[in-house]
PDB file of N, CA and C in Angstrom:
ATOM      1  N   UNK A   1       0.904  -1.287  -0.047  1.00  0.00           N
ATOM      2  CA  UNK A   1      -0.248  -0.072   0.121  1.00  0.00           C
ATOM      3  C   UNK A   1       1.051   1.397  -0.208  1.00  0.00           C
ATOM      4  N   UNK A   2       0.654   2.260  -0.802  1.00  0.00           N
ATOM      5  CA  UNK A   2       1.188   3.476  -0.754  1.00  0.00           C
ATOM      6  C   UNK A   2       1.080   3.911   0.560  1.00  0.00           C
ATOM      7  N   UNK A   3       2.645   4.546   1.360  1.00  0.00           N
ATOM      8  CA  UNK A   3       2.734   5.043   2.315  1.00  0.00           C
ATOM      9  C   UNK A   3       1.953   6.459   2.689  1.00  0.00           C
ATOM     10  N   UNK A   4       1.933   7.236   1.452  1.00  0.00           N
ATOM     11  CA  UNK A   4       0.897   8.119   1.723  1.00  0.00           C
ATOM     12  C   UNK A   4      -0.592   8.367   1.930  1.00  0.00           C
ATOM     13  N   UNK A   5      -0.999   6.964   1.332  1.00  0.00           N
ATOM     14  CA  UNK A   5      -2.102   6.465   1.479  1.00  0.00           C
ATOM     15  C   UNK A   5      -2.533   6.460   3.152  1.00  0.00           C
ATOM     16  N   UNK A   6      -1.743   5.282   3.500  1.00  0.00           N
ATOM     17  CA  UNK A   6      -1.594   5.164   4.994  1.00  0.00           C
ATOM     18  C   UNK A   6      -1.916   5.943   5.832  1.00  0.00           C
ATOM     19  N   UNK A   7      -0.768   6.925   5.711  1.00  0.00           N
ATOM     20  CA  UNK A   7      -0.507   8.322   6.414  1.00  0.00           C
ATOM     21  C   UNK A   7      -2.014   8.910   6.377  1.00  0.00           C
ATOM     22  N   UNK A   8      -2.526   9.204   5.147  1.00  0.00           N
ATOM     23  CA  UNK A   8      -4.088   9.996   5.223  1.00  0.00           C
ATOM     24  C   UNK A   8      -5.505   8.749   5.711  1.00  0.00           C
ATOM     25  N   UNK A   9      -4.976   7.742   5.394  1.00  0.00           N
ATOM     26  CA  UNK A   9      -5.727   6.822   6.413  1.00  0.00           C
ATOM     27  C   UNK A   9      -5.880   6.899   8.148  1.00  0.00           C
ATOM     28  N   UNK A  10      -4.856   6.925   8.610  1.00  0.00           N
ATOM     29  CA  UNK A  10      -4.457   7.533   9.981  1.00  0.00           C
ATOM     30  C   UNK A  10      -4.788   8.557  10.568  1.00  0.00           C
ATOM     31  N   UNK A  11      -4.794   9.633   9.660  1.00  0.00           N
ATOM     32  CA  UNK A  11      -5.097  11.104  10.204  1.00  0.00           C
ATOM     33  C   UNK A  11      -6.713  11.101  10.214  1.00  0.00           C
ATOM     34  N   UNK A  12      -7.171  10.330   9.279  1.00  0.00           N
ATOM     35  CA  UNK A  12      -8.684  10.591   9.014  1.00  0.00           C
ATOM     36  C   UNK A  12      -9.632   9.625  10.512  1.00  0.00           C
ATOM     37  N   UNK A  13      -8.320   8.395  10.659  1.00  0.00           N
ATOM     38  CA  UNK A  13      -8.756   7.923  11.773  1.00  0.00           C
ATOM     39  C   UNK A  13      -8.415   8.427  12.998  1.00  0.00           C
ATOM     40  N   UNK A  14      -7.397   9.279  13.254  1.00  0.00           N
ATOM     41  CA  UNK A  14      -7.603  10.269  14.205  1.00  0.00           C
ATOM     42  C   UNK A  14      -8.430  11.412  14.324  1.00  0.00           C
ATOM     43  N   UNK A  15      -8.871  11.789  13.212  1.00  0.00           N
ATOM     44  CA  UNK A  15      -9.588  12.815  13.083  1.00  0.00           C
ATOM     45  C   UNK A  15     -11.075  12.412  13.720  1.00  0.00           C
ATOM     46  N   UNK A  16     -11.598  11.149  13.575  1.00  0.00           N
ATOM     47  CA  UNK A  16     -13.166  10.729  13.587  1.00  0.00           C
ATOM     48  C   UNK A  16     -12.677  10.415  15.271  1.00  0.00           C
ATOM     49  N   UNK A  17     -11.684   9.580  15.735  1.00  0.00           N
ATOM     50  CA  UNK A  17     -11.476   9.574  16.997  1.00  0.00           C
ATOM     51  C   UNK A  17     -11.565  11.053  17.935  1.00  0.00           C
ATOM     52  N   UNK A  18     -11.030  11.870  17.688  1.00  0.00           N
ATOM     53  CA  UNK A  18     -11.036  13.084  18.278  1.00  0.00           C
ATOM     54  C   UNK A  18     -12.201  13.931  18.399  1.00  0.00           C
ATOM     55  N   UNK A  19     -13.299  13.703  17.176  1.00  0.00           N
ATOM     56  CA  UNK A  19     -14.168  14.154  17.034  1.00  0.00           C
ATOM     57  C   UNK A  19     -15.366  13.430  17.878  1.00  0.00           C
ATOM     58  N   UNK A  20     -15.187  12.375  17.690  1.00  0.00           N
ATOM     59  CA  UNK A  20     -16.174  11.222  18.794  1.00  0.00           C
ATOM     60  C   UNK A  20     -15.937  11.586  20.301  1.00  0.00           C
ATOM     61  N   UNK A  21     -14.656  11.894  20.591  1.00  0.00           N
ATOM     62  CA  UNK A  21     -14.093  12.281  22.103  1.00  0.00           C
ATOM     63  C   UNK A  21     -14.746  13.663  22.524  1.00  0.00           C
ATOM     64  N   UNK A  22     -14.676  14.690  21.178  1.00  0.00           N
ATOM     65  CA  UNK A  22     -15.319  15.871  21.766  1.00  0.00           C
ATOM     66  C   UNK A  22     -16.647  15.321  22.100  1.00  0.00           C
ATOM     67  N   UNK A  23     -17.598  15.066  21.307  1.00  0.00           N
ATOM     68  CA  UNK A  23     -19.030  14.631  21.469  1.00  0.00           C
ATOM     69  C   UNK A  23     -19.019  14.158  22.341  1.00  0.00           C
ATOM     70  N   UNK A  24     -18.522  13.035  22.956  1.00  0.00           N
ATOM     71  CA  UNK A  24     -18.579  12.576  24.243  1.00  0.00           C
ATOM     72  C   UNK A  24     -18.714  13.338  25.669  1.00  0.00           C
ATOM     73  N   UNK A  25     -17.377  14.134  25.625  1.00  0.00           N
ATOM     74  CA  UNK A  25     -17.251  15.129  26.570  1.00  0.00           C
ATOM     75  C   UNK A  25     -18.006  16.311  26.517  1.00  0.00           C
ATOM     76  N   UNK A  26     -18.925  17.045  25.650  1.00  0.00           N
ATOM     77  CA  UNK A  26     -19.429  17.714  25.379  1.00  0.00           C
ATOM     78  C   UNK A  26     -21.063  17.264  25.905  1.00  0.00           C
ATOM     79  N   UNK A  27     -21.248  15.933  25.787  1.00  0.00           N
ATOM     80  CA  UNK A  27     -22.830  15.761  26.046  1.00  0.00           C
ATOM     81  C   UNK A  27     -22.844  14.298  26.853  1.00  0.00           C
ATOM     82  N   UNK A  28     -21.731  15.001  28.524  1.00  0.00           N
ATOM     83  CA  UNK A  28     -22.135  14.269  29.627  1.00  0.00           C
ATOM     84  C   UNK A  28     -23.205  14.530  30.554  1.00  0.00           C
ATOM     85  N   UNK A  29     -24.241  15.128  30.139  1.00  0.00           N
ATOM     86  CA  UNK A  29     -25.237  15.514  31.230  1.00  0.00           C
ATOM     87  C   UNK A  29     -26.264  14.553  31.260  1.00  0.00           C
ATOM     88  N   UNK A  30     -27.012  14.216  32.041  1.00  0.00           N
ATOM     89  CA  UNK A  30     -27.849  13.258  32.116  1.00  0.00           C
ATOM     90  C   UNK A  30     -28.854  13.381  31.303  1.00  0.00           C
ATOM     91  N   UNK A  31     -29.709  12.216  30.692  1.00  0.00           N
ATOM     92  CA  UNK A  31     -30.666  12.333  29.864  1.00  0.00           C
ATOM     93  C   UNK A  31     -31.585  11.164  30.210  1.00  0.00           C
ATOM     94  N   UNK A  32     -32.654  11.335  29.967  1.00  0.00           N
ATOM     95  CA  UNK A  32     -33.620  10.415  30.186  1.00  0.00           C
ATOM     96  C   UNK A  32     -33.943   9.756  29.244  1.00  0.00           C
ATOM     97  N   UNK A  33     -34.493   8.483  29.166  1.00  0.00           N
ATOM     98  CA  UNK A  33     -34.744   7.855  28.199  1.00  0.00           C
ATOM     99  C   UNK A  33     -36.167   7.138  28.692  1.00  0.00           C
ATOM    100  N   UNK A  34     -37.665   7.471  27.944  1.00  0.00           N
ATOM    101  CA  UNK A  34     -38.830   6.679  28.391  1.00  0.00           C
ATOM    102  C   UNK A  34     -38.845   5.758  27.754  1.00  0.00           C
ATOM    103  N   UNK A  35     -39.266   4.597  28.342  1.00  0.00           N
ATOM    104  CA  UNK A  35     -39.368   3.071  27.943  1.00  0.00           C
ATOM    105  C   UNK A  35     -40.796   3.095  28.255  1.00  0.00           C
ATOM    106  N   UNK A  36     -41.100   2.031  27.818  1.00  0.00           N
ATOM    107  CA  UNK A  36     -42.764   1.482  27.955  1.00  0.00           C
ATOM    108  C   UNK A  36     -43.409   1.410  29.322  1.00  0.00           C
ATOM    109  N   UNK A  37     -44.312   1.382  29.559  1.00  0.00           N
ATOM    110  CA  UNK A  37     -44.996   1.169  30.635  1.00  0.00           C
ATOM    111  C   UNK A  37     -44.465   1.956  31.931  1.00  0.00           C
ATOM    112  N   UNK A  38     -44.176   3.016  31.550  1.00  0.00           N
ATOM    113  CA  UNK A  38     -44.048   4.108  32.408  1.00  0.00           C
ATOM    114  C   UNK A  38     -42.501   3.979  33.191  1.00  0.00           C
ATOM    115  N   UNK A  39     -41.883   3.157  32.418  1.00  0.00           N
ATOM    116  CA  UNK A  39     -40.546   2.959  33.055  1.00  0.00           C
ATOM    117  C   UNK A  39     -39.588   4.165  32.491  1.00  0.00           C
ATOM    118  N   UNK A  40     -38.338   4.366  32.931  1.00  0.00           N
ATOM    119  CA  UNK A  40     -37.202   5.251  32.095  1.00  0.00           C
ATOM    120  C   UNK A  40     -36.099   4.718  32.639  1.00  0.00           C
ATOM    121  N   UNK A  41     -35.104   5.433  31.822  1.00  0.00           N
ATOM    122  CA  UNK A  41     -33.364   5.075  32.175  1.00  0.00           C
ATOM    123  C   UNK A  41     -33.185   6.746  32.259  1.00  0.00           C
ATOM    124  N   UNK A  42     -32.569   6.625  33.215  1.00  0.00           N
ATOM    125  CA  UNK A  42     -31.715   8.165  33.555  1.00  0.00           C
ATOM    126  C   UNK A  42     -30.200   7.543  33.023  1.00  0.00           C
ATOM    127  N   UNK A  43     -29.235   8.196  32.082  1.00  0.00           N
ATOM    128  CA  UNK A  43     -27.761   7.995  31.959  1.00  0.00           C
ATOM    129  C   UNK A  43     -27.297   9.227  31.257  1.00  0.00           C
ATOM    130  N   UNK A  44     -26.111   9.456  31.246  1.00  0.00           N
ATOM    131  CA  UNK A  44     -25.220  10.181  30.848  1.00  0.00           C
ATOM    132  C   UNK A  44     -25.752   9.984  28.792  1.00  0.00           C
ATOM    133  N   UNK A  45     -26.004  10.693  28.179  1.00  0.00           N
ATOM    134  CA  UNK A  45     -26.361  10.760  26.900  1.00  0.00           C
ATOM    135  C   UNK A  45     -25.267  10.225  26.035  1.00  0.00           C
ATOM    136  N   UNK A  46     -23.773  10.371  26.549  1.00  0.00           N
ATOM    137  CA  UNK A  46     -23.124   9.655  25.539  1.00  0.00           C
ATOM    138  C   UNK A  46     -23.398   7.764  25.862  1.00  0.00           C
ATOM    139  N   UNK A  47     -23.829   7.384  27.021  1.00  0.00           N
ATOM    140  CA  UNK A  47     -24.394   6.041  27.132  1.00  0.00           C
ATOM    141  C   UNK A  47     -25.368   5.863  26.372  1.00  0.00           C
ATOM    142  N   UNK A  48     -26.380   6.324  26.639  1.00  0.00           N
ATOM    143  CA  UNK A  48     -27.400   6.092  25.626  1.00  0.00           C
ATOM    144  C   UNK A  48     -27.235   6.212  24.241  1.00  0.00           C
ATOM    145  N   UNK A  49     -26.133   6.879  23.836  1.00  0.00           N
ATOM    146  CA  UNK A  49     -25.981   6.812  21.998  1.00  0.00           C
ATOM    147  C   UNK A  49     -25.296   5.641  22.096  1.00  0.00           C
ATOM    148  N   UNK A  50     -24.490   5.499  22.855  1.00  0.00           N
ATOM    149  CA  UNK A  50     -23.366   4.289  22.259  1.00  0.00           C
ATOM    150  C   UNK A  50     -24.239   2.862  22.508  1.00  0.00           C
ATOM    151  N   UNK A  51     -25.644   2.680  23.564  1.00  0.00           N
ATOM    152  CA  UNK A  51     -25.923   1.897  23.791  1.00  0.00           C
ATOM    153  C   UNK A  51     -26.949   1.227  22.278  1.00  0.00           C
ATOM    154  N   UNK A  52     -27.230   2.472  22.021  1.00  0.00           N
ATOM    155  CA  UNK A  52     -28.325   2.567  20.832  1.00  0.00           C
ATOM    156  C   UNK A  52     -27.533   1.947  19.415  1.00  0.00           C
ATOM    157  N   UNK A  53     -26.294   2.294  19.618  1.00  0.00           N
ATOM    158  CA  UNK A  53     -25.613   2.012  18.496  1.00  0.00           C
ATOM    159  C   UNK A  53     -25.112   0.675  18.297  1.00  0.00           C
ATOM    160  N   UNK A  54     -25.031  -0.029  19.830  1.00  0.00           N
ATOM    161  CA  UNK A  54     -24.681  -1.470  19.883  1.00  0.00           C
ATOM    162  C   UNK A  54     -25.705  -2.342  19.405  1.00  0.00           C
ATOM    163  N   UNK A  55     -26.833  -1.640  20.113  1.00  0.00           N
ATOM    164  CA  UNK A  55     -27.989  -2.419  19.693  1.00  0.00           C
ATOM    165  C   UNK A  55     -28.170  -2.521  18.286  1.00  0.00           C
ATOM    166  N   UNK A  56     -28.341  -1.810  17.642  1.00  0.00           N
ATOM    167  CA  UNK A  56     -28.010  -1.559  16.114  1.00  0.00           C
ATOM    168  C   UNK A  56     -27.453  -2.574  15.422  1.00  0.00           C
ATOM    169  N   UNK A  57     -25.980  -2.505  16.038  1.00  0.00           N
ATOM    170  CA  UNK A  57     -25.192  -3.216  15.358  1.00  0.00           C
ATOM    171  C   UNK A  57     -25.296  -4.653  15.407  1.00  0.00           C
ATOM    172  N   UNK A  58     -26.181  -5.174  17.102  1.00  0.00           N
ATOM    173  CA  UNK A  58     -26.607  -6.504  17.248  1.00  0.00           C
ATOM    174  C   UNK A  58     -27.684  -7.139  16.389  1.00  0.00           C
ATOM    175  N   UNK A  59     -28.830  -6.181  16.219  1.00  0.00           N
ATOM    176  CA  UNK A  59     -29.547  -6.585  15.384  1.00  0.00           C
ATOM    177  C   UNK A  59     -29.359  -6.518  14.090  1.00  0.00           C
ATOM    178  N   UNK A  60     -28.351  -5.771  13.465  1.00  0.00           N
ATOM    179  CA  UNK A  60     -27.900  -5.583  12.210  1.00  0.00           C
ATOM    180  C   UNK A  60     -27.440  -7.217  11.753  1.00  0.00           C
ATOM    181  N   UNK A  61     -26.434  -7.458  12.934  1.00  0.00           N
ATOM    182  CA  UNK A  61     -25.677  -8.772  12.781  1.00  0.00           C
ATOM    183  C   UNK A  61     -26.566  -9.954  12.712  1.00  0.00           C
ATOM    184  N   UNK A  62     -27.639  -9.989  13.568  1.00  0.00           N
ATOM    185  CA  UNK A  62     -28.395 -11.485  13.725  1.00  0.00           C
ATOM    186  C   UNK A  62     -29.445 -11.397  12.474  1.00  0.00           C
ATOM    187  N   UNK A  63     -29.612 -10.107  11.992  1.00  0.00           N
ATOM    188  CA  UNK A  63     -30.441  -9.984  10.543  1.00  0.00           C
ATOM    189  C   UNK A  63     -29.477 -10.637   9.475  1.00  0.00           C
ATOM    190  N   UNK A  64     -28.523 -10.616   9.330  1.00  0.00           N
ATOM    191  CA  UNK A  64     -27.984 -11.352   8.903  1.00  0.00           C
ATOM    192  C   UNK A  64     -26.945 -12.427   8.603  1.00  0.00           C
ATOM    193  N   UNK A  65     -27.177 -12.883   9.695  1.00  0.00           N
ATOM    194  CA  UNK A  65     -26.753 -14.571  10.182  1.00  0.00           C
ATOM    195  C   UNK A  65     -27.411 -15.589   9.020  1.00  0.00           C
ATOM    196  N   UNK A  66     -29.056 -15.595   9.100  1.00  0.00           N
ATOM    197  CA  UNK A  66     -29.520 -16.542   8.080  1.00  0.00           C
ATOM    198  C   UNK A  66     -28.561 -16.666   6.740  1.00  0.00           C
ATOM    199  N   UNK A  67     -28.725 -15.432   6.273  1.00  0.00           N
ATOM    200  CA  UNK A  67     -28.094 -15.425   4.631  1.00  0.00           C
ATOM    201  C   UNK A  67     -26.161 -15.904   4.897  1.00  0.00           C
ATOM    202  N   UNK A  68     -25.735 -15.782   6.214  1.00  0.00           N
ATOM    203  CA  UNK A  68     -24.243 -15.836   5.854  1.00  0.00           C
ATOM    204  C   UNK A  68     -24.258 -17.318   6.405  1.00  0.00           C
ATOM    205  N   UNK A  69     -25.108 -18.096   7.070  1.00  0.00           N
ATOM    206  CA  UNK A  69     -25.285 -19.679   7.411  1.00  0.00           C
ATOM    207  C   UNK A  69     -25.731 -20.255   5.670  1.00  0.00           C
ATOM    208  N   UNK A  70     -26.614 -19.619   5.367  1.00  0.00           N
ATOM    209  CA  UNK A  70     -26.974 -20.595   3.915  1.00  0.00           C
ATOM    210  C   UNK A  70     -25.717 -20.546   2.773  1.00  0.00           C
ATOM    211  N   UNK A  71     -24.950 -19.423   2.763  1.00  0.00           N
ATOM    212  CA  UNK A  71     -23.830 -19.177   1.823  1.00  0.00           C
ATOM    213  C   UNK A  71     -22.915 -20.136   2.571  1.00  0.00           C
ATOM    214  N   UNK A  72     -22.518 -20.048   3.392  1.00  0.00           N
ATOM    215  CA  UNK A  72     -21.561 -20.905   3.994  1.00  0.00           C
ATOM    216  C   UNK A  72     -21.847 -22.382   3.601  1.00  0.00           C
ATOM    217  N   UNK A  73     -23.053 -23.024   3.861  1.00  0.00           N
ATOM    218  CA  UNK A  73     -23.541 -24.490   3.630  1.00  0.00           C
ATOM    219  C   UNK A  73     -23.318 -24.594   2.572  1.00  0.00           C
ATOM    220  N   UNK A  74     -23.999 -23.760   1.577  1.00  0.00           N
ATOM    221  CA  UNK A  74     -23.494 -23.872  -0.143  1.00  0.00           C
ATOM    222  C   UNK A  74     -22.673 -24.100  -0.356  1.00  0.00           C
ATOM    223  N   UNK A  75     -21.371 -23.182   0.426  1.00  0.00           N
ATOM    224  CA  UNK A  75     -19.966 -23.358  -0.198  1.00  0.00           C
ATOM    225  C   UNK A  75     -19.230 -24.679   0.536  1.00  0.00           C
ATOM    226  N   UNK A  76     -19.835 -24.791   1.425  1.00  0.00           N
ATOM    227  CA  UNK A  76     -19.236 -26.265   2.216  1.00  0.00           C
ATOM    228  C   UNK A  76     -19.542 -27.384   1.071  1.00  0.00           C
ATOM    229  N   UNK A  77     -20.925 -27.346   0.739  1.00  0.00           N
ATOM    230  CA  UNK A  77     -21.060 -28.421  -0.025  1.00  0.00           C
ATOM    231  C   UNK A  77     -20.758 -28.428  -1.886  1.00  0.00           C
ATOM    232  N   UNK A  78     -20.385 -27.319  -2.013  1.00  0.00           N
ATOM    233  CA  UNK A  78     -19.794 -27.367  -3.477  1.00  0.00           C
ATOM    234  C   UNK A  78     -18.973 -28.383  -3.850  1.00  0.00           C
ATOM    235  N   UNK A  79     -17.965 -28.527  -2.945  1.00  0.00           N
ATOM    236  CA  UNK A  79     -16.899 -29.564  -3.747  1.00  0.00           C
ATOM    237  C   UNK A  79     -17.369 -30.694  -3.308  1.00  0.00           C
ATOM    238  N   UNK A  80     -18.200 -31.237  -2.752  1.00  0.00           N
ATOM    239  CA  UNK A  80     -18.477 -32.417  -2.713  1.00  0.00           C
ATOM    240  C   UNK A  80     -19.295 -32.990  -3.885  1.00  0.00           C
ATOM    241  N   UNK A  81     -19.905 -31.893  -4.323  1.00  0.00           N
ATOM    242  CA  UNK A  81     -21.179 -32.300  -5.477  1.00  0.00           C
ATOM    243  C   UNK A  81     -20.232 -32.060  -6.887  1.00  0.00           C
ATOM    244  N   UNK A  82     -19.066 -31.120  -6.577  1.00  0.00           N
ATOM    245  CA  UNK A  82     -18.264 -31.113  -7.720  1.00  0.00           C
ATOM    246  C   UNK A  82     -17.340 -32.459  -7.956  1.00  0.00           C
ATOM    247  N   UNK A  83     -17.028 -33.171  -6.995  1.00  0.00           N
ATOM    248  CA  UNK A  83     -16.389 -34.596  -6.918  1.00  0.00           C
ATOM    249  C   UNK A  83     -17.257 -35.469  -7.446  1.00  0.00           C
ATOM    250  N   UNK A  84     -18.587 -35.479  -7.037  1.00  0.00           N
ATOM    251  CA  UNK A  84     -19.815 -36.108  -7.765  1.00  0.00           C
ATOM    252  C   UNK A  84     -19.821 -35.809  -9.081  1.00  0.00           C
ATOM    253  N   UNK A  85     -20.169 -34.967  -9.577  1.00  0.00           N
ATOM    254  CA  UNK A  85     -20.121 -34.616 -10.801  1.00  0.00           C
ATOM    255  C   UNK A  85     -18.889 -34.754 -11.948  1.00  0.00           C
ATOM    256  N   UNK A  86     -17.947 -35.111 -11.354  1.00  0.00           N
ATOM    257  CA  UNK A  86     -16.269 -35.630 -12.107  1.00  0.00           C
ATOM    258  C   UNK A  86     -15.985 -36.985 -12.161  1.00  0.00           C
ATOM    259  N   UNK A  87     -16.757 -37.352 -11.080  1.00  0.00           N
ATOM    260  CA  UNK A  87     -16.977 -39.134 -11.036  1.00  0.00           C
ATOM    261  C   UNK A  87     -17.645 -39.539 -11.900  1.00  0.00           C
ATOM    262  N   UNK A  88     -18.812 -39.200 -12.347  1.00  0.00           N
ATOM    263  CA  UNK A  88     -20.267 -39.018 -13.076  1.00  0.00           C
ATOM    264  C   UNK A  88     -19.464 -39.108 -14.542  1.00  0.00           C
ATOM    265  N   UNK A  89     -18.949 -37.721 -14.603  1.00  0.00           N
ATOM    266  CA  UNK A  89     -18.689 -37.517 -16.207  1.00  0.00           C
ATOM    267  C   UNK A  89     -17.133 -38.384 -16.482  1.00  0.00           C
ATOM    268  N   UNK A  90     -16.204 -38.753 -15.324  1.00  0.00           N
ATOM    269  CA  UNK A  90     -15.403 -39.600 -16.187  1.00  0.00           C
ATOM    270  C   UNK A  90     -15.812 -41.312 -16.365  1.00  0.00           C
ATOM    271  N   UNK A  91     -17.260 -41.849 -15.773  1.00  0.00           N
ATOM    272  CA  UNK A  91     -17.512 -43.030 -16.400  1.00  0.00           C
ATOM    273  C   UNK A  91     -17.901 -42.912 -17.739  1.00  0.00           C
ATOM    274  N   UNK A  92     -17.144 -43.559 -18.359  1.00  0.00           N
ATOM    275  CA  UNK A  92     -18.256 -43.784 -19.924  1.00  0.00           C
ATOM    276  C   UNK A  92     -19.153 -44.696 -19.962  1.00  0.00           C
ATOM    277  N   UNK A  93     -20.024 -43.474 -21.117  1.00  0.00           N
ATOM    278  CA  UNK A  93     -21.446 -43.968 -21.026  1.00  0.00           C
ATOM    279  C   UNK A  93     -21.535 -45.150 -22.073  1.00  0.00           C
ATOM    280  N   UNK A  94     -22.294 -46.462 -21.757  1.00  0.00           N
ATOM    281  CA  UNK A  94     -22.344 -47.458 -22.393  1.00  0.00           C
ATOM    282  C   UNK A  94     -23.103 -47.213 -23.589  1.00  0.00           C
ATOM    283  N   UNK A  95     -22.619 -47.671 -25.206  1.00  0.00           N
ATOM    284  CA  UNK A  95     -23.549 -47.177 -26.142  1.00  0.00           C
ATOM    285  C   UNK A  95     -25.013 -47.879 -26.081  1.00  0.00           C
ATOM    286  N   UNK A  96     -25.543 -47.270 -26.847  1.00  0.00           N
ATOM    287  CA  UNK A  96     -27.234 -47.984 -26.620  1.00  0.00           C
ATOM    288  C   UNK A  96     -27.245 -48.991 -27.289  1.00  0.00           C
ATOM    289  N   UNK A  97     -28.396 -50.019 -26.740  1.00  0.00           N
ATOM    290  CA  UNK A  97     -28.217 -51.443 -27.230  1.00  0.00           C
ATOM    291  C   UNK A  97     -29.753 -51.444 -27.945  1.00  0.00           C
ATOM    292  N   UNK A  98     -30.844 -50.539 -27.656  1.00  0.00           N
ATOM    293  CA  UNK A  98     -32.122 -50.128 -28.055  1.00  0.00           C
ATOM    294  C   UNK A  98     -32.119 -49.562 -29.603  1.00  0.00           C
ATOM    295  N   UNK A  99     -32.525 -50.881 -30.343  1.00  0.00           N
ATOM    296  CA  UNK A  99     -32.266 -49.914 -31.862  1.00  0.00           C
ATOM    297  C   UNK A  99     -33.119 -48.839 -32.197  1.00  0.00           C
ATOM    298  N   UNK A 100     -34.201 -48.640 -31.375  1.00  0.00           N
ATOM    299  CA  UNK A 100     -34.962 -47.066 -31.543  1.00  0.00           C
ATOM    300  C   UNK A 100     -34.023 -46.244 -31.283  1.00  0.00           C
ATOM    301  N   UNK A 101     -33.030 -46.546 -30.339  1.00  0.00           N
ATOM    302  CA  UNK A 101     -32.609 -45.058 -29.719  1.00  0.00           C
ATOM    303  C   UNK A 101     -31.266 -45.213 -30.539  1.00  0.00           C
ATOM    304  N   UNK A 102     -30.991 -45.955 -31.379  1.00  0.00           N
ATOM    305  CA  UNK A 102     -29.555 -46.273 -32.453  1.00  0.00           C
ATOM    306  C   UNK A 102     -29.752 -45.415 -33.426  1.00  0.00           C
ATOM    307  N   UNK A 103     -30.722 -45.393 -34.073  1.00  0.00           N
ATOM    308  CA  UNK A 103     -31.486 -44.743 -35.286  1.00  0.00           C
ATOM    309  C   UNK A 103     -31.953 -43.562 -35.108  1.00  0.00           C
ATOM    310  N   UNK A 104     -32.546 -42.992 -33.843  1.00  0.00           N
ATOM    311  CA  UNK A 104     -32.978 -41.706 -34.120  1.00  0.00           C
ATOM    312  C   UNK A 104     -31.700 -40.810 -33.350  1.00  0.00           C
ATOM    313  N   UNK A 105     -31.685 -39.813 -34.004  1.00  0.00           N
ATOM    314  CA  UNK A 105     -31.028 -38.523 -33.946  1.00  0.00           C
ATOM    315  C   UNK A 105     -31.137 -37.908 -32.758  1.00  0.00           C
ATOM    316  N   UNK A 106     -29.971 -37.494 -32.256  1.00  0.00           N
ATOM    317  CA  UNK A 106     -30.244 -36.108 -31.260  1.00  0.00           C
ATOM    318  C   UNK A 106     -29.480 -35.112 -31.548  1.00  0.00           C
TER     319      UNK A 106
END
């Protein structure tokens, strides 16, 4: 990778980190999250935002799991199917013995 590009990526990462740090430091006041059935959760706003992000990430991963499992299963079964197909194609087909099949053109 180009050293200049790596340096730029690190500068962007550091800038994002400091922006998020400044956001966290500026939002330390307590916020109230009103839940169902009259319940409420009081916590610093930064913690509430972090919890919402973590919950969204977990829901996203759980939503993608069935597709990942389906593709993984198909990927692991593909070599076995390929071996079976090559074994079938390697076996020579016997010539037809039925006169109707011999005279018929395909």
